[in-house]
Amino acid sequence: MTHSITIRRPDDWHLHLRDGAMLHGILPETARHFARAIVMPNLVPPVVTFADARAYHARIMAALPAGMAFEPLMVLYLTETTDPDDVAAAAASGLVKSVKLYPAGATTNSYSGVRDFDKVRPVLEKMAQIGLPLCVHGEVTTHEVDIFDREAVFIDTVLDPMRRATPGLRVVMEHITTSQGVDYARAGGPDLAATITTHHLIINRNHILAGGIKPHYYCLPVAKRESHRLALRAAATSGDATFFLGTDSAPHVDALKEMACGCAGCFTATNTMPLLAHVFEEEGALNQLEAFASRNGPAFYRLPVNEGTMTLTKGGPAQWPEKILTEAGPVTVFNPGFPVHWHVDG
């Protein structure tokens, strides 16, 4: 039985840090374990231009506690008026590593997103030319499509046509939640990858709905059937370079989660690595944890693997705070609902 595993220091390829008091409160939870993170741009107002990204990067670095080493990888929010030349300048600077596509209305602070995909075609073509990845929130938003079917319909009606129309466009399917997403990503070739969250490896839709509504398990894309969760586990633990970690850790204060129309998002920055060790051990795949958390993401983004290492050790029950107390308010840490015995050393 394995009681200790050492891997290269991991990265998070999909993270929400927010801004202001929330940023200051939750940034240490990521920086403690992760060397780098793709930082989502859906602030209010969103991070649309290169100038916006520079300013947000400066605020993140100012909030980083002394003695912590962390590199935020910046992302531009794609709108129908995004300037292709500004995107190219942002990419050339090395500060911006991707552009984020939100279908308008798909998730938190996505209302500035894309409605008419023809209007963003010049940006996508420029991105294909320079090799800048497009990160995609892959759900349609039309009311006639069931919320549990929105990812599969997006693949068929938006993502696949978009990729066919823009050869060479490098795409990350973020937070996939379905077996259809797994299958499409796996068959997509070297220009397509997919991130998988920690919580979607652990919960299915019963965790949200059975026995009463559990607001801290509600996220978008929403968790699906058990068969889909098992498909995600198989993909994440396979070692396939297509798949890598993107936690989509998304802090909301409890008052906004625990209300009649609560916000979507699970906050997993604090305990992702022990939870992943638990999941990978259950699947008999601890030897693939480094690929998923530390190697496959840098390979797709054409970045070096981190030089530092992380050691996880199995022992007594792991403990972490129930809530992170920020000046914006308390944020509940994701509770897997079972004991975890893996710990990050140091």
Foldseek 3Di string as FASTA:
>chain_A
DDFKDKFFQFEAAAEEQEADQSNLQCVVLQLVGHAEYAYAQLYVVGQAFLVSQVVVQVRNVVSDDPPTHHQYAYEHEDALPRDLVRVVVSVVVVRHQAYEADAAPQAPSRNRHDDDVVSCLVNQQSCLVVVRAYEYQQFDDDPVDDLQCGNVVSVVPPVVVSCVVHPSHAYEDEADAFLSVVVCLVPPPLSYAYEHALLSLQDAQCVQPPPHGDLQQFAPSHHHDPVSSVSVLCSLLVLPLRYAHHHQQDWDAPVQSPDPDHHHHHHASNPRVLSVCVSNVVVVRNVSNNSRGFNSVCVSSVHDTHPHMKMKGFDDWDDDDQWRQTPVHTTGHDDSPDTTGIDIDD
